[in-house]
Amino acid sequence: MGYKWKRARLSLKGKRNEEQFRFKQEQIETLKSLEDSGYIDLYFGDQSHFGLSPNVPYAWQTKDNPILLPAAKGKYQNVVGLMTRKNKLYFETLETTFNSDRIISFMNRFVEQTIKKTIVILDNSPIHKSKKFMAKIEQWKEKRCFNLLFATLFSRVKPD
């Protein structure tokens, strides 16, 4: 029959620009090479939440036609984190939802502990595109040669 019992995934694949997506993938490969040479620290960042009831169900689905569900919001234990490919992790948890002010505070604390040029790859979340957040980017760059690269509509980025 070709069906498997597996988790249905949240996806933005249908909304992304494939040409831009491939370009960003090439940029990330270049950044990974710079990280491998020790020139930069490269972090991948994201936010998530945990709750007692799963918000992503399992279902019978075929390999060629996975079930994709729209993302939903709710109140849970929230976590924001930045992680390298070598599993170096910087994170914080909150019982409230994240907003621009909380993400900025998190990033301020992260930037203070950076030692060398650091690139953080974030998704295209509205929090990361807010006016407040965007205004801080130049400040962070000056502080520790800190840069941000937005992975525009990067659903399912796997940093290896």
N, C-alpha and C. Protein backbone atom coordinates (compact mmCIF):
# COMPACT_ATOMS: atom_id res chain seq x y z
N MET A 1 0.81 -1.21 0.00
CA MET A 1 0.00 0.00 0.00
C MET A 1 0.85 1.27 0.00
N GLY A 2 2.01 1.23 0.63
CA GLY A 2 2.89 2.40 0.62
C GLY A 2 2.64 3.41 1.71
N TYR A 3 1.79 3.11 2.70
CA TYR A 3 1.52 4.04 3.79
C TYR A 3 2.43 3.76 4.98
N LYS A 4 2.76 4.82 5.73
CA LYS A 4 3.55 4.71 6.95
C LYS A 4 2.84 5.50 8.05
N TRP A 5 2.99 5.05 9.30
CA TRP A 5 2.46 5.77 10.45
C TRP A 5 3.55 6.73 10.89
N LYS A 6 3.35 8.01 10.70
CA LYS A 6 4.37 8.99 11.06
C LYS A 6 3.73 10.33 11.40
N ARG A 7 4.56 11.19 11.99
CA ARG A 7 4.11 12.51 12.41
C ARG A 7 3.84 13.39 11.20
N ALA A 8 2.72 14.08 11.20
CA ALA A 8 2.43 15.08 10.17
C ALA A 8 3.27 16.32 10.48
N ARG A 9 3.87 16.93 9.47
CA ARG A 9 4.77 18.06 9.67
C ARG A 9 4.11 19.38 9.34
N LEU A 10 4.56 20.41 10.06
CA LEU A 10 4.19 21.79 9.70
C LEU A 10 5.13 22.21 8.59
N SER A 11 4.64 22.93 7.60
CA SER A 11 5.48 23.25 6.46
C SER A 11 5.09 24.59 5.83
N LEU A 12 6.11 25.29 5.35
CA LEU A 12 5.92 26.51 4.56
C LEU A 12 6.42 26.29 3.13
N LYS A 13 6.69 25.05 2.78
CA LYS A 13 7.30 24.73 1.49
C LYS A 13 6.53 25.35 0.32
N GLY A 14 5.22 25.32 0.37
CA GLY A 14 4.41 25.86 -0.72
C GLY A 14 4.50 27.36 -0.88
N LYS A 15 5.02 28.06 0.13
CA LYS A 15 5.09 29.52 0.09
C LYS A 15 6.47 30.06 -0.28
N ARG A 16 7.49 29.19 -0.30
CA ARG A 16 8.84 29.69 -0.50
C ARG A 16 9.17 29.91 -1.98
N ASN A 17 10.11 30.80 -2.21
CA ASN A 17 10.64 31.08 -3.53
C ASN A 17 11.81 30.12 -3.74
N GLU A 18 11.69 29.17 -4.65
CA GLU A 18 12.71 28.12 -4.83
C GLU A 18 14.07 28.69 -5.20
N GLU A 19 14.10 29.70 -6.05
CA GLU A 19 15.38 30.30 -6.46
C GLU A 19 16.08 30.93 -5.26
N GLN A 20 15.34 31.67 -4.45
CA GLN A 20 15.89 32.29 -3.26
C GLN A 20 16.30 31.23 -2.24
N PHE A 21 15.51 30.19 -2.12
CA PHE A 21 15.80 29.08 -1.21
C PHE A 21 17.14 28.43 -1.57
N ARG A 22 17.35 28.14 -2.84
CA ARG A 22 18.62 27.52 -3.29
C ARG A 22 19.80 28.46 -3.05
N PHE A 23 19.60 29.76 -3.28
CA PHE A 23 20.65 30.75 -3.03
C PHE A 23 21.04 30.76 -1.56
N LYS A 24 20.04 30.74 -0.67
CA LYS A 24 20.32 30.72 0.77
C LYS A 24 21.04 29.43 1.16
N GLN A 25 20.68 28.32 0.55
CA GLN A 25 21.37 27.06 0.82
C GLN A 25 22.86 27.17 0.47
N GLU A 26 23.17 27.80 -0.66
CA GLU A 26 24.56 28.00 -1.06
C GLU A 26 25.29 28.89 -0.06
N GLN A 27 24.63 29.96 0.40
CA GLN A 27 25.23 30.83 1.41
C GLN A 27 25.55 30.06 2.68
N ILE A 28 24.62 29.22 3.10
CA ILE A 28 24.82 28.43 4.32
C ILE A 28 26.01 27.48 4.15
N GLU A 29 26.16 26.89 2.98
CA GLU A 29 27.31 26.00 2.74
C GLU A 29 28.62 26.76 2.86
N THR A 30 28.65 28.00 2.36
CA THR A 30 29.85 28.84 2.48
C THR A 30 30.12 29.15 3.96
N LEU A 31 29.08 29.49 4.70
CA LEU A 31 29.24 29.78 6.13
C LEU A 31 29.70 28.55 6.90
N LYS A 32 29.22 27.39 6.53
CA LYS A 32 29.66 26.15 7.19
C LYS A 32 31.15 25.92 6.96
N SER A 33 31.63 26.24 5.76
CA SER A 33 33.06 26.12 5.47
C SER A 33 33.88 27.08 6.33
N LEU A 34 33.38 28.31 6.48
CA LEU A 34 34.07 29.29 7.33
C LEU A 34 34.08 28.84 8.78
N GLU A 35 32.99 28.22 9.23
CA GLU A 35 32.95 27.69 10.59
C GLU A 35 33.95 26.54 10.74
N ASP A 36 33.99 25.65 9.75
CA ASP A 36 34.91 24.52 9.80
C ASP A 36 36.37 24.97 9.86
N SER A 37 36.66 26.11 9.23
CA SER A 37 38.04 26.64 9.25
C SER A 37 38.34 27.41 10.53
N GLY A 38 37.33 27.61 11.39
CA GLY A 38 37.53 28.32 12.65
C GLY A 38 37.42 29.82 12.55
N TYR A 39 37.06 30.34 11.39
CA TYR A 39 36.98 31.78 11.19
C TYR A 39 35.75 32.39 11.87
N ILE A 40 34.65 31.67 11.90
CA ILE A 40 33.42 32.17 12.52
C ILE A 40 32.81 31.10 13.41
N ASP A 41 31.90 31.53 14.28
CA ASP A 41 30.98 30.64 14.96
C ASP A 41 29.66 30.77 14.22
N LEU A 42 29.03 29.66 13.92
CA LEU A 42 27.78 29.65 13.16
C LEU A 42 26.70 29.00 14.00
N TYR A 43 25.64 29.75 14.28
CA TYR A 43 24.53 29.27 15.08
C TYR A 43 23.25 29.24 14.25
N PHE A 44 22.43 28.25 14.50
CA PHE A 44 21.10 28.16 13.92
C PHE A 44 20.12 28.40 15.06
N GLY A 45 19.16 29.31 14.88
CA GLY A 45 18.26 29.68 15.96
C GLY A 45 16.81 29.37 15.65
N ASP A 46 16.06 29.13 16.72
CA ASP A 46 14.64 28.90 16.56
C ASP A 46 13.95 29.00 17.92
N GLN A 47 12.65 29.13 17.88
CA GLN A 47 11.81 29.09 19.07
C GLN A 47 10.85 27.91 18.92
N SER A 48 10.44 27.37 20.06
CA SER A 48 9.45 26.31 20.05
C SER A 48 8.70 26.33 21.37
N HIS A 49 7.75 25.43 21.51
CA HIS A 49 6.99 25.33 22.74
C HIS A 49 6.69 23.86 23.04
N PHE A 50 6.43 23.60 24.30
CA PHE A 50 6.13 22.25 24.76
C PHE A 50 4.85 22.31 25.58
N GLY A 51 4.01 21.31 25.41
CA GLY A 51 2.77 21.24 26.17
C GLY A 51 2.44 19.80 26.49
N LEU A 52 1.39 19.62 27.28
CA LEU A 52 0.98 18.28 27.67
C LEU A 52 0.25 17.54 26.56
N SER A 53 -0.38 18.27 25.67
CA SER A 53 -1.06 17.61 24.55
C SER A 53 -0.33 17.93 23.26
N PRO A 54 -0.06 16.91 22.43
CA PRO A 54 0.68 17.17 21.19
C PRO A 54 -0.15 18.00 20.22
N ASN A 55 0.50 18.93 19.55
CA ASN A 55 -0.21 19.74 18.56
C ASN A 55 0.06 19.24 17.15
N VAL A 56 0.91 18.24 17.01
CA VAL A 56 1.20 17.67 15.69
C VAL A 56 0.84 16.19 15.76
N PRO A 57 -0.26 15.81 15.14
CA PRO A 57 -0.71 14.42 15.23
C PRO A 57 0.06 13.48 14.31
N TYR A 58 -0.05 12.21 14.61
CA TYR A 58 0.47 11.17 13.74
C TYR A 58 -0.66 10.70 12.85
N ALA A 59 -0.33 10.23 11.64
CA ALA A 59 -1.36 9.78 10.72
C ALA A 59 -0.75 8.81 9.71
N TRP A 60 -1.60 7.99 9.11
CA TRP A 60 -1.16 7.14 8.01
C TRP A 60 -1.01 8.04 6.79
N GLN A 61 0.15 7.96 6.14
CA GLN A 61 0.41 8.79 4.98
C GLN A 61 1.43 8.12 4.08
N THR A 62 1.43 8.49 2.83
CA THR A 62 2.38 7.91 1.88
C THR A 62 3.66 8.73 1.88
N LYS A 63 4.74 8.10 1.45
CA LYS A 63 6.02 8.78 1.37
C LYS A 63 5.96 9.95 0.38
N ASP A 64 5.27 9.75 -0.72
CA ASP A 64 5.20 10.77 -1.77
C ASP A 64 4.17 11.86 -1.51
N ASN A 65 3.27 11.66 -0.56
CA ASN A 65 2.22 12.63 -0.30
C ASN A 65 2.03 12.82 1.22
N PRO A 66 3.03 13.45 1.91
CA PRO A 66 2.91 13.63 3.36
C PRO A 66 1.79 14.61 3.71
N ILE A 67 1.21 14.42 4.86
CA ILE A 67 0.17 15.33 5.35
C ILE A 67 0.85 16.54 5.98
N LEU A 68 0.55 17.72 5.49
CA LEU A 68 1.12 18.97 6.00
C LEU A 68 -0.01 19.78 6.63
N LEU A 69 0.17 20.19 7.88
CA LEU A 69 -0.86 20.94 8.60
C LEU A 69 -0.41 22.38 8.82
N PRO A 70 -1.35 23.34 8.85
CA PRO A 70 -0.96 24.72 9.15
C PRO A 70 -0.51 24.85 10.60
N ALA A 71 0.41 25.75 10.86
CA ALA A 71 0.92 26.00 12.21
C ALA A 71 -0.18 26.65 13.06
N ALA A 72 -0.16 26.36 14.37
CA ALA A 72 -1.14 26.94 15.29
C ALA A 72 -0.41 27.49 16.51
N LYS A 73 -1.00 28.48 17.18
CA LYS A 73 -0.40 29.09 18.36
C LYS A 73 -1.13 28.63 19.62
N GLY A 74 -0.44 28.67 20.76
CA GLY A 74 -1.05 28.31 22.02
C GLY A 74 -0.14 28.65 23.18
N LYS A 75 -0.62 28.47 24.41
CA LYS A 75 0.18 28.75 25.59
C LYS A 75 0.84 27.47 26.08
N TYR A 76 2.14 27.48 26.14
CA TYR A 76 2.93 26.32 26.53
C TYR A 76 4.19 26.80 27.24
N GLN A 77 5.06 25.88 27.57
CA GLN A 77 6.41 26.22 28.02
C GLN A 77 7.19 26.56 26.75
N ASN A 78 7.69 27.75 26.65
CA ASN A 78 8.37 28.20 25.43
C ASN A 78 9.87 28.17 25.61
N VAL A 79 10.58 27.89 24.52
CA VAL A 79 12.04 27.86 24.56
C VAL A 79 12.57 28.55 23.30
N VAL A 80 13.65 29.30 23.48
CA VAL A 80 14.37 29.89 22.35
C VAL A 80 15.81 29.40 22.47
N GLY A 81 16.39 29.04 21.35
CA GLY A 81 17.74 28.53 21.41
C GLY A 81 18.54 28.80 20.16
N LEU A 82 19.85 28.81 20.35
CA LEU A 82 20.82 28.94 19.26
C LEU A 82 21.78 27.77 19.41
N MET A 83 22.04 27.07 18.32
CA MET A 83 22.88 25.88 18.41
C MET A 83 23.82 25.80 17.21
N THR A 84 25.05 25.35 17.49
CA THR A 84 26.02 25.13 16.42
C THR A 84 25.90 23.70 15.91
N ARG A 85 26.59 23.42 14.82
CA ARG A 85 26.61 22.06 14.29
C ARG A 85 27.42 21.13 15.20
N LYS A 86 28.18 21.71 16.11
CA LYS A 86 28.95 20.91 17.07
C LYS A 86 28.21 20.79 18.40
N ASN A 87 26.92 21.09 18.39
CA ASN A 87 26.03 20.95 19.54
C ASN A 87 26.30 21.92 20.69
N LYS A 88 26.95 23.03 20.41
CA LYS A 88 27.09 24.09 21.42
C LYS A 88 25.75 24.81 21.44
N LEU A 89 25.12 24.86 22.63
CA LEU A 89 23.75 25.36 22.75
C LEU A 89 23.67 26.54 23.70
N TYR A 90 22.94 27.56 23.28
CA TYR A 90 22.61 28.69 24.13
C TYR A 90 21.09 28.81 24.08
N PHE A 91 20.42 28.72 25.24
CA PHE A 91 18.96 28.72 25.22
C PHE A 91 18.38 29.35 26.48
N GLU A 92 17.10 29.69 26.42
CA GLU A 92 16.33 30.16 27.57
C GLU A 92 14.91 29.66 27.42
N THR A 93 14.24 29.48 28.57
CA THR A 93 12.83 29.08 28.55
C THR A 93 11.98 30.17 29.20
N LEU A 94 10.73 30.21 28.79
CA LEU A 94 9.76 31.17 29.33
C LEU A 94 8.41 30.48 29.46
N GLU A 95 7.66 30.89 30.47
CA GLU A 95 6.29 30.38 30.59
C GLU A 95 5.31 31.28 29.85
N THR A 96 5.78 32.41 29.39
CA THR A 96 4.95 33.30 28.58
C THR A 96 5.41 33.20 27.13
N THR A 97 4.65 33.79 26.24
CA THR A 97 5.03 33.75 24.83
C THR A 97 6.19 34.71 24.57
N PHE A 98 6.93 34.42 23.51
CA PHE A 98 8.01 35.31 23.11
C PHE A 98 7.44 36.46 22.30
N ASN A 99 8.03 37.63 22.50
CA ASN A 99 7.71 38.78 21.68
C ASN A 99 9.02 39.46 21.33
N SER A 100 8.97 40.54 20.61
CA SER A 100 10.21 41.20 20.17
C SER A 100 11.10 41.60 21.34
N ASP A 101 10.52 42.16 22.40
CA ASP A 101 11.33 42.59 23.55
C ASP A 101 12.05 41.41 24.20
N ARG A 102 11.38 40.29 24.34
CA ARG A 102 12.00 39.12 24.98
C ARG A 102 13.08 38.51 24.09
N ILE A 103 12.86 38.47 22.79
CA ILE A 103 13.88 37.94 21.88
C ILE A 103 15.08 38.88 21.84
N ILE A 104 14.85 40.17 21.86
CA ILE A 104 15.95 41.14 21.89
C ILE A 104 16.77 40.96 23.16
N SER A 105 16.12 40.80 24.30
CA SER A 105 16.84 40.58 25.56
C SER A 105 17.68 39.30 25.49
N PHE A 106 17.10 38.24 24.94
CA PHE A 106 17.82 36.99 24.76
C PHE A 106 19.05 37.19 23.88
N MET A 107 18.86 37.85 22.74
CA MET A 107 19.97 38.08 21.82
C MET A 107 21.03 38.99 22.44
N ASN A 108 20.62 39.99 23.23
CA ASN A 108 21.59 40.85 23.92
C ASN A 108 22.49 40.01 24.83
N ARG A 109 21.90 39.09 25.58
CA ARG A 109 22.68 38.23 26.48
C ARG A 109 23.60 37.31 25.67
N PHE A 110 23.11 36.81 24.56
CA PHE A 110 23.93 35.95 23.71
C PHE A 110 25.13 36.72 23.14
N VAL A 111 24.87 37.90 22.60
CA VAL A 111 25.93 38.70 21.99
C VAL A 111 27.03 39.03 23.01
N GLU A 112 26.65 39.29 24.24
CA GLU A 112 27.64 39.61 25.29
C GLU A 112 28.62 38.48 25.53
N GLN A 113 28.25 37.25 25.28
CA GLN A 113 29.14 36.14 25.56
C GLN A 113 29.89 35.64 24.31
N THR A 114 29.66 36.27 23.15
CA THR A 114 30.39 35.85 21.95
C THR A 114 31.83 36.31 22.02
N ILE A 115 32.71 35.53 21.42
CA ILE A 115 34.14 35.83 21.46
C ILE A 115 34.65 36.25 20.09
N LYS A 116 34.23 35.56 19.05
CA LYS A 116 34.69 35.90 17.71
C LYS A 116 33.50 36.19 16.81
N LYS A 117 33.79 36.47 15.56
CA LYS A 117 32.73 36.78 14.60
C LYS A 117 31.71 35.64 14.62
N THR A 118 30.45 36.02 14.78
CA THR A 118 29.38 35.04 14.95
C THR A 118 28.25 35.34 13.98
N ILE A 119 27.82 34.31 13.29
CA ILE A 119 26.69 34.41 12.38
C ILE A 119 25.55 33.59 12.99
N VAL A 120 24.37 34.19 13.06
CA VAL A 120 23.19 33.49 13.55
C VAL A 120 22.19 33.42 12.40
N ILE A 121 21.76 32.23 12.07
CA ILE A 121 20.77 32.04 11.02
C ILE A 121 19.41 31.83 11.68
N LEU A 122 18.50 32.72 11.35
CA LEU A 122 17.15 32.68 11.91
C LEU A 122 16.14 32.49 10.79
N ASP A 123 14.95 32.05 11.15
CA ASP A 123 13.90 31.92 10.15
C ASP A 123 13.23 33.28 9.94
N ASN A 124 12.21 33.29 9.17
CA ASN A 124 11.54 34.53 8.77
C ASN A 124 10.36 34.86 9.68
N SER A 125 10.47 34.55 10.95
CA SER A 125 9.41 34.79 11.92
C SER A 125 9.11 36.29 12.02
N PRO A 126 7.84 36.66 12.23
CA PRO A 126 7.51 38.08 12.40
C PRO A 126 8.31 38.75 13.52
N ILE A 127 8.63 38.01 14.58
CA ILE A 127 9.44 38.58 15.68
C ILE A 127 10.80 39.01 15.16
N HIS A 128 11.39 38.22 14.27
CA HIS A 128 12.72 38.53 13.74
C HIS A 128 12.69 39.67 12.73
N LYS A 129 11.52 40.02 12.24
CA LYS A 129 11.39 41.10 11.26
C LYS A 129 10.78 42.36 11.85
N SER A 130 10.52 42.35 13.16
CA SER A 130 9.90 43.52 13.78
C SER A 130 10.83 44.73 13.70
N LYS A 131 10.27 45.91 13.75
CA LYS A 131 11.09 47.13 13.69
C LYS A 131 12.07 47.18 14.85
N LYS A 132 11.61 46.79 16.05
CA LYS A 132 12.49 46.81 17.22
C LYS A 132 13.69 45.87 17.02
N PHE A 133 13.42 44.66 16.54
CA PHE A 133 14.47 43.67 16.35
C PHE A 133 15.44 44.14 15.27
N MET A 134 14.91 44.60 14.15
CA MET A 134 15.75 45.06 13.04
C MET A 134 16.64 46.23 13.46
N ALA A 135 16.13 47.10 14.34
CA ALA A 135 16.91 48.24 14.81
C ALA A 135 18.12 47.80 15.64
N LYS A 136 18.05 46.65 16.27
CA LYS A 136 19.14 46.16 17.12
C LYS A 136 20.27 45.50 16.32
N ILE A 137 20.00 45.09 15.10
CA ILE A 137 20.99 44.33 14.34
C ILE A 137 22.29 45.10 14.17
N GLU A 138 22.24 46.35 13.79
CA GLU A 138 23.47 47.14 13.62
C GLU A 138 24.24 47.25 14.94
N GLN A 139 23.52 47.42 16.03
CA GLN A 139 24.15 47.49 17.34
C GLN A 139 24.90 46.19 17.66
N TRP A 140 24.27 45.06 17.37
CA TRP A 140 24.89 43.76 17.62
C TRP A 140 26.11 43.56 16.73
N LYS A 141 26.03 44.03 15.49
CA LYS A 141 27.18 43.91 14.57
C LYS A 141 28.38 44.66 15.14
N GLU A 142 28.16 45.86 15.65
CA GLU A 142 29.24 46.67 16.21
C GLU A 142 29.82 46.06 17.48
N LYS A 143 28.98 45.45 18.26
CA LYS A 143 29.38 44.93 19.57
C LYS A 143 30.41 43.81 19.47
N ARG A 144 30.15 42.83 18.66
CA ARG A 144 31.03 41.66 18.56
C ARG A 144 31.16 41.17 17.12
N CYS A 145 31.11 42.08 16.16
CA CYS A 145 31.12 41.66 14.75
C CYS A 145 30.04 40.62 14.50
N PHE A 146 28.91 40.84 15.10
CA PHE A 146 27.80 39.90 15.07
C PHE A 146 26.92 40.17 13.86
N ASN A 147 26.59 39.15 13.11
CA ASN A 147 25.77 39.31 11.92
C ASN A 147 24.57 38.38 11.95
N LEU A 148 23.56 38.72 11.20
CA LEU A 148 22.39 37.87 11.06
C LEU A 148 22.13 37.59 9.59
N LEU A 149 21.77 36.38 9.30
CA LEU A 149 21.35 36.01 7.96
C LEU A 149 19.98 35.39 8.08
N PHE A 150 19.01 35.94 7.41
CA PHE A 150 17.67 35.41 7.50
C PHE A 150 17.48 34.33 6.46
N ALA A 151 17.10 33.17 6.90
CA ALA A 151 16.79 32.06 6.02
C ALA A 151 15.33 32.21 5.61
N THR A 152 15.09 32.96 4.57
CA THR A 152 13.73 33.31 4.16
C THR A 152 12.92 32.07 3.84
N LEU A 153 11.84 31.89 4.62
CA LEU A 153 10.95 30.76 4.46
C LEU A 153 11.70 29.44 4.39
N PHE A 154 12.69 29.29 5.25
CA PHE A 154 13.48 28.06 5.29
C PHE A 154 12.75 27.02 6.11
N SER A 155 11.83 26.33 5.50
CA SER A 155 11.20 25.23 6.23
C SER A 155 12.11 24.02 6.12
N ARG A 156 12.35 23.41 7.23
CA ARG A 156 13.12 22.18 7.31
C ARG A 156 14.60 22.36 6.97
N VAL A 157 15.24 23.42 7.47
CA VAL A 157 16.67 23.56 7.31
C VAL A 157 17.35 22.55 8.23
N LYS A 158 18.23 21.76 7.68
CA LYS A 158 18.96 20.79 8.48
C LYS A 158 20.43 21.18 8.45
N PRO A 159 20.99 21.62 9.59
CA PRO A 159 22.37 22.09 9.59
C PRO A 159 23.41 20.98 9.54
N ASP A 160 23.04 19.73 9.39
CA ASP A 160 23.91 18.55 9.37
C ASP A 160 24.48 18.30 10.74
